[in-house]
C-alpha atoms as a PDB file:
ATOM      1  CA  GLY A   1       8.192 -11.786  10.565  1.00  0.00           C
ATOM      2  CA  GLY A   2       5.299 -14.163  11.303  1.00  0.00           C
ATOM      3  CA  ALA A   3       6.110 -16.479   8.384  1.00  0.00           C
ATOM      4  CA  LYS A   4       9.767 -16.670   9.464  1.00  0.00           C
ATOM      5  CA  ALA A   5       8.648 -17.654  12.971  1.00  0.00           C
ATOM      6  CA  ALA A   6       6.306 -20.332  11.582  1.00  0.00           C
ATOM      7  CA  MET A   7       9.238 -21.653   9.529  1.00  0.00           C
ATOM      8  CA  GLY A   8      11.151 -22.207  12.766  1.00  0.00           C
ATOM      9  CA  GLY A   9      13.357 -19.125  12.623  1.00  0.00           C
ATOM     10  CA  SER A  10      15.071 -17.822  15.750  1.00  0.00           C
ATOM     11  CA  LEU A  11      14.008 -14.487  17.229  1.00  0.00           C
ATOM     12  CA  GLU A  12      17.048 -12.842  15.623  1.00  0.00           C
ATOM     13  CA  GLU A  13      16.152 -14.328  12.202  1.00  0.00           C
ATOM     14  CA  VAL A  14      12.535 -13.216  12.573  1.00  0.00           C
ATOM     15  CA  LEU A  15      13.583  -9.661  13.482  1.00  0.00           C
ATOM     16  CA  ALA A  16      16.100  -9.536  10.630  1.00  0.00           C
ATOM     17  CA  ALA A  17      13.483 -10.705   8.087  1.00  0.00           C
ATOM     18  CA  ALA A  18      10.930  -8.175   9.382  1.00  0.00           C
ATOM     19  CA  GLN A  19      13.477  -5.338   9.234  1.00  0.00           C
ATOM     20  CA  LYS A  20      14.494  -6.364   5.705  1.00  0.00           C
ATOM     21  CA  ALA A  21      10.832  -6.269   4.648  1.00  0.00           C
ATOM     22  CA  ILE A  22      10.480  -2.760   6.122  1.00  0.00           C
ATOM     23  CA  ASP A  23      13.693  -1.549   4.466  1.00  0.00           C
ATOM     24  CA  ASN A  24      12.530  -2.855   1.076  1.00  0.00           C
ATOM     25  CA  THR A  25       9.050  -1.317   1.256  1.00  0.00           C
ATOM     26  CA  ARG A  26       7.818   2.068   0.061  1.00  0.00           C
ATOM     27  CA  SER A  27       4.292   3.335   0.676  1.00  0.00           C
ATOM     28  CA  MET A  28       2.385   6.482  -0.224  1.00  0.00           C
ATOM     29  CA  GLY A  29      -1.170   7.562   0.444  1.00  0.00           C
ATOM     30  CA  VAL A  30      -3.248  10.007  -1.579  1.00  0.00           C
ATOM     31  CA  GLY A  31      -6.423  11.460  -0.074  1.00  0.00           C
ATOM     32  CA  LEU A  32      -9.216  13.005  -2.138  1.00  0.00           C
ATOM     33  CA  SER A  33     -11.496  13.803   0.805  1.00  0.00           C
ATOM     34  CA  PRO A  34     -10.920  14.046   4.572  1.00  0.00           C
ATOM     35  CA  CYS A  35     -12.486  11.697   7.087  1.00  0.00           C
ATOM     36  CA  THR A  36     -14.723  12.667   9.994  1.00  0.00           C
ATOM     37  CA  LEU A  37     -13.410  11.548  13.375  1.00  0.00           C
ATOM     38  CA  PRO A  38     -16.421  10.265  15.390  1.00  0.00           C
ATOM     39  CA  GLU A  39     -15.534  12.124  18.608  1.00  0.00           C
ATOM     40  CA  VAL A  40     -15.205  15.428  16.738  1.00  0.00           C
ATOM     41  CA  GLY A  41     -18.131  15.085  14.348  1.00  0.00           C
ATOM     42  CA  HIS A  42     -16.638  17.060  11.463  1.00  0.00           C
ATOM     43  CA  PRO A  43     -13.666  16.706   9.085  1.00  0.00           C
ATOM     44  CA  ASN A  44     -10.388  17.728  10.731  1.00  0.00           C
ATOM     45  CA  PHE A  45      -9.084  19.357   7.537  1.00  0.00           C
ATOM     46  CA  THR A  46     -10.374  20.174   4.073  1.00  0.00           C
ATOM     47  CA  ILE A  47      -9.326  19.166   0.590  1.00  0.00           C
ATOM     48  CA  GLU A  48     -10.383  21.652  -2.048  1.00  0.00           C
ATOM     49  CA  PRO A  49     -11.929  20.453  -5.330  1.00  0.00           C
ATOM     50  CA  GLY A  50      -9.234  19.650  -7.891  1.00  0.00           C
ATOM     51  CA  LYS A  51      -6.622  19.066  -5.169  1.00  0.00           C
ATOM     52  CA  MET A  52      -5.283  15.974  -3.422  1.00  0.00           C
ATOM     53  CA  GLU A  53      -3.421  15.413  -0.157  1.00  0.00           C
ATOM     54  CA  VAL A  54      -0.173  13.525  -0.735  1.00  0.00           C
ATOM     55  CA  GLY A  55       1.241  11.477   2.152  1.00  0.00           C
ATOM     56  CA  ILE A  56      -2.105  11.145   3.931  1.00  0.00           C
ATOM     57  CA  GLY A  57      -2.228   9.411   7.344  1.00  0.00           C
ATOM     58  CA  HIS A  58      -4.421   6.422   8.160  1.00  0.00           C
ATOM     59  CA  HIS A  59      -5.687   8.061  11.354  1.00  0.00           C
ATOM     60  CA  GLY A  60      -7.108  11.109   9.628  1.00  0.00           C
ATOM     61  CA  GLU A  61      -3.901  13.159   9.529  1.00  0.00           C
ATOM     62  CA  PRO A  62      -3.532  15.546   6.600  1.00  0.00           C
ATOM     63  CA  GLY A  63      -0.755  14.864   4.101  1.00  0.00           C
ATOM     64  CA  ILE A  64       2.687  16.386   3.746  1.00  0.00           C
ATOM     65  CA  GLU A  65       1.692  18.471   0.741  1.00  0.00           C
ATOM     66  CA  VAL A  66      -1.346  19.564  -1.214  1.00  0.00           C
ATOM     67  CA  ALA A  67      -0.999  19.016  -4.945  1.00  0.00           C
ATOM     68  CA  ASP A  68      -3.128  19.500  -8.021  1.00  0.00           C
ATOM     69  CA  LEU A  69      -5.234  16.438  -8.733  1.00  0.00           C
ATOM     70  CA  GLU A  70      -3.344  14.117 -11.079  1.00  0.00           C
ATOM     71  CA  THR A  71      -4.169  11.012 -13.060  1.00  0.00           C
ATOM     72  CA  ALA A  72      -3.486   7.541 -11.647  1.00  0.00           C
ATOM     73  CA  SER A  73      -0.446   7.169 -13.915  1.00  0.00           C
ATOM     74  CA  GLN A  74       1.118  10.377 -12.556  1.00  0.00           C
ATOM     75  CA  ILE A  75       0.536   9.347  -8.925  1.00  0.00           C
ATOM     76  CA  ALA A  76       2.035   5.880  -9.346  1.00  0.00           C
ATOM     77  CA  ASP A  77       5.703   6.642 -10.146  1.00  0.00           C
ATOM     78  CA  LEU A  78       8.061   4.500  -8.046  1.00  0.00           C
ATOM     79  CA  PRO A  79      11.790   4.372  -7.054  1.00  0.00           C
ATOM     80  CA  PHE A  80      12.447   0.742  -8.081  1.00  0.00           C
ATOM     81  CA  VAL A  81      14.794  -0.499 -10.804  1.00  0.00           C
ATOM     82  CA  GLU A  82      14.836  -2.934 -13.717  1.00  0.00           C
ATOM     83  CA  ASN A  83      14.787  -6.662 -12.851  1.00  0.00           C
ATOM     84  CA  ASP A  84      13.401  -6.038  -9.355  1.00  0.00           C
ATOM     85  CA  GLU A  85      10.611  -8.387  -8.296  1.00  0.00           C
ATOM     86  CA  VAL A  86       7.942  -6.810  -6.093  1.00  0.00           C
ATOM     87  CA  VAL A  87       4.680  -7.246  -4.239  1.00  0.00           C
ATOM     88  CA  VAL A  88       2.126  -4.483  -4.875  1.00  0.00           C
ATOM     89  CA  LEU A  89      -0.626  -3.625  -2.399  1.00  0.00           C
ATOM     90  CA  ILE A  90      -3.287  -1.028  -3.143  1.00  0.00           C
ATOM     91  CA  SER A  91      -5.724  -0.284  -0.332  1.00  0.00           C
ATOM     92  CA  GLY A  92      -8.719   1.999  -0.479  1.00  0.00           C
ATOM     93  CA  LEU A  93      -9.125   4.517   2.343  1.00  0.00           C
ATOM     94  CA  GLY A  94     -12.817   3.812   2.930  1.00  0.00           C
ATOM     95  CA  SER A  95     -15.031   5.231   0.196  1.00  0.00           C
ATOM     96  CA  THR A  96     -13.051   4.681  -3.006  1.00  0.00           C
ATOM     97  CA  PRO A  97     -14.873   2.247  -5.318  1.00  0.00           C
ATOM     98  CA  LEU A  98     -13.060  -1.036  -5.920  1.00  0.00           C
ATOM     99  CA  MET A  99     -13.102  -0.349  -9.672  1.00  0.00           C
ATOM    100  CA  GLU A 100     -11.051   2.827  -9.111  1.00  0.00           C
ATOM    101  CA  LEU A 101      -8.516   0.836  -7.067  1.00  0.00           C
ATOM    102  CA  TYR A 102      -8.152  -1.585  -9.984  1.00  0.00           C
ATOM    103  CA  ILE A 103      -7.722   1.348 -12.386  1.00  0.00           C
ATOM    104  CA  LEU A 104      -4.873   2.617 -10.155  1.00  0.00           C
ATOM    105  CA  PHE A 105      -3.391  -0.900 -10.039  1.00  0.00           C
ATOM    106  CA  GLU A 106      -3.442  -1.131 -13.843  1.00  0.00           C
ATOM    107  CA  GLU A 107      -1.510   2.153 -14.080  1.00  0.00           C
ATOM    108  CA  VAL A 108       1.017   0.873 -11.523  1.00  0.00           C
ATOM    109  CA  ARG A 109       1.309  -2.411 -13.468  1.00  0.00           C
ATOM    110  CA  LYS A 110       2.007  -0.538 -16.724  1.00  0.00           C
ATOM    111  CA  ILE A 111       4.688   1.656 -15.107  1.00  0.00           C
ATOM    112  CA  LEU A 112       6.399  -1.343 -13.504  1.00  0.00           C
ATOM    113  CA  ALA A 113       6.282  -3.344 -16.768  1.00  0.00           C
ATOM    114  CA  ALA A 114       7.790  -0.413 -18.672  1.00  0.00           C
ATOM    115  CA  LYS A 115      10.638  -0.299 -16.126  1.00  0.00           C
ATOM    116  CA  GLY A 116      11.232  -4.059 -16.377  1.00  0.00           C
ATOM    117  CA  ILE A 117       9.950  -4.731 -12.845  1.00  0.00           C
ATOM    118  CA  LYS A 118       8.051  -7.986 -12.266  1.00  0.00           C
ATOM    119  CA  ILE A 119       5.003  -8.167  -9.986  1.00  0.00           C
ATOM    120  CA  HIS A 120       5.198 -11.409  -7.996  1.00  0.00           C
ATOM    121  CA  LYS A 121       1.863 -10.895  -6.208  1.00  0.00           C
ATOM    122  CA  SER A 122      -0.685  -8.097  -6.015  1.00  0.00           C
ATOM    123  CA  LEU A 123      -3.374  -7.254  -3.473  1.00  0.00           C
ATOM    124  CA  VAL A 124      -6.122  -4.763  -4.331  1.00  0.00           C
ATOM    125  CA  GLY A 125      -8.941  -3.955  -1.919  1.00  0.00           C
ATOM    126  CA  ASN A 126      -9.842  -2.219   1.333  1.00  0.00           C
ATOM    127  CA  TYR A 127      -7.169  -3.649   3.619  1.00  0.00           C
ATOM    128  CA  PHE A 128      -6.648  -0.666   5.928  1.00  0.00           C
ATOM    129  CA  THR A 129      -9.061   2.213   5.692  1.00  0.00           C
ATOM    130  CA  SER A 130      -9.509   5.628   7.288  1.00  0.00           C
ATOM    131  CA  LEU A 131     -13.232   5.740   8.015  1.00  0.00           C
ATOM    132  CA  GLU A 132     -14.995   7.209   4.946  1.00  0.00           C
ATOM    133  CA  MET A 133     -11.980   8.938   3.374  1.00  0.00           C
ATOM    134  CA  ALA A 134     -11.724   8.873  -0.417  1.00  0.00           C
ATOM    135  CA  GLY A 135      -8.305   7.943  -1.737  1.00  0.00           C
ATOM    136  CA  ALA A 136      -5.856   5.066  -1.745  1.00  0.00           C
ATOM    137  CA  THR A 137      -2.490   3.924  -0.523  1.00  0.00           C
ATOM    138  CA  LEU A 138       0.075   2.247  -2.747  1.00  0.00           C
ATOM    139  CA  THR A 139       2.663  -0.022  -1.130  1.00  0.00           C
ATOM    140  CA  VAL A 140       5.442  -1.788  -3.033  1.00  0.00           C
ATOM    141  CA  MET A 141       7.917  -4.226  -1.483  1.00  0.00           C
ATOM    142  CA  LYS A 142      11.063  -5.381  -3.289  1.00  0.00           C
ATOM    143  CA  LEU A 143      11.610  -9.115  -2.849  1.00  0.00           C
ATOM    144  CA  ASP A 144      14.673 -11.296  -2.525  1.00  0.00           C
ATOM    145  CA  ASP A 145      14.545 -15.100  -2.162  1.00  0.00           C
ATOM    146  CA  GLU A 146      13.966 -14.961   1.605  1.00  0.00           C
ATOM    147  CA  LEU A 147      11.232 -12.300   1.473  1.00  0.00           C
ATOM    148  CA  LYS A 148       9.515 -14.138  -1.392  1.00  0.00           C
ATOM    149  CA  GLU A 149       9.507 -17.373   0.609  1.00  0.00           C
ATOM    150  CA  CYS A 150       8.110 -15.533   3.649  1.00  0.00           C
ATOM    151  CA  PHE A 151       5.452 -13.751   1.597  1.00  0.00           C
ATOM    152  CA  ASP A 152       4.324 -16.978  -0.083  1.00  0.00           C
ATOM    153  CA  TYR A 153       4.179 -18.910   3.189  1.00  0.00           C
ATOM    154  CA  GLU A 154       0.676 -20.005   4.148  1.00  0.00           C
ATOM    155  CA  ALA A 155      -0.832 -17.776   6.836  1.00  0.00           C
ATOM    156  CA  ASP A 156      -4.063 -16.569   8.406  1.00  0.00           C
ATOM    157  CA  SER A 157      -4.513 -12.931   9.417  1.00  0.00           C
ATOM    158  CA  ILE A 158      -7.361 -10.601  10.301  1.00  0.00           C
ATOM    159  CA  GLY A 159      -6.711  -8.254   7.360  1.00  0.00           C
ATOM    160  CA  LEU A 160      -6.007 -10.806   4.647  1.00  0.00           C
ATOM    161  CA  GLY A 161      -7.883 -13.899   5.843  1.00  0.00           C
ATOM    162  CA  HIS A 162      -6.310 -17.150   4.624  1.00  0.00           C
ATOM    163  CA  PHE A 163      -3.321 -16.289   2.511  1.00  0.00           C
ATOM    164  CA  GLY A 164      -0.599 -18.145   0.649  1.00  0.00           C
ATOM    165  CA  LYS A 165      -0.495 -21.569  -0.919  1.00  0.00           C
END
């Protein structure tokens, strides 16, 4: 929405662009260890060895299901179709090494390429974390011409720093 506003869009156009971005985005988090909330002093749930929490929350909430630990390629399956153009964001949850995030990204890239889906831009790093939790979130947004123009528009933000052209 911010890029659309900077481009001179009306409030209605800004809201429509933001809603379109939301509607075209899918995100999933996988936790390998819980985080410790400072006011509590201990993890608020446990993840057994060999298991992972699917659908983890950024505020320390447990996931929607516990599953057997899978490889990056098994975790990264996505509901997008051939000829889609997307932005991919992979964020660590706090204690996942950057190298592991890039390994996950490479698996996502291979899956998308095999499905004929083009990655317009990718972001890999610790953009939004959950204290010291191990794991990652994968977010994919399908682009159209308007969303691509908004995404590529030059911007400054706290999470991304200077971004765009």
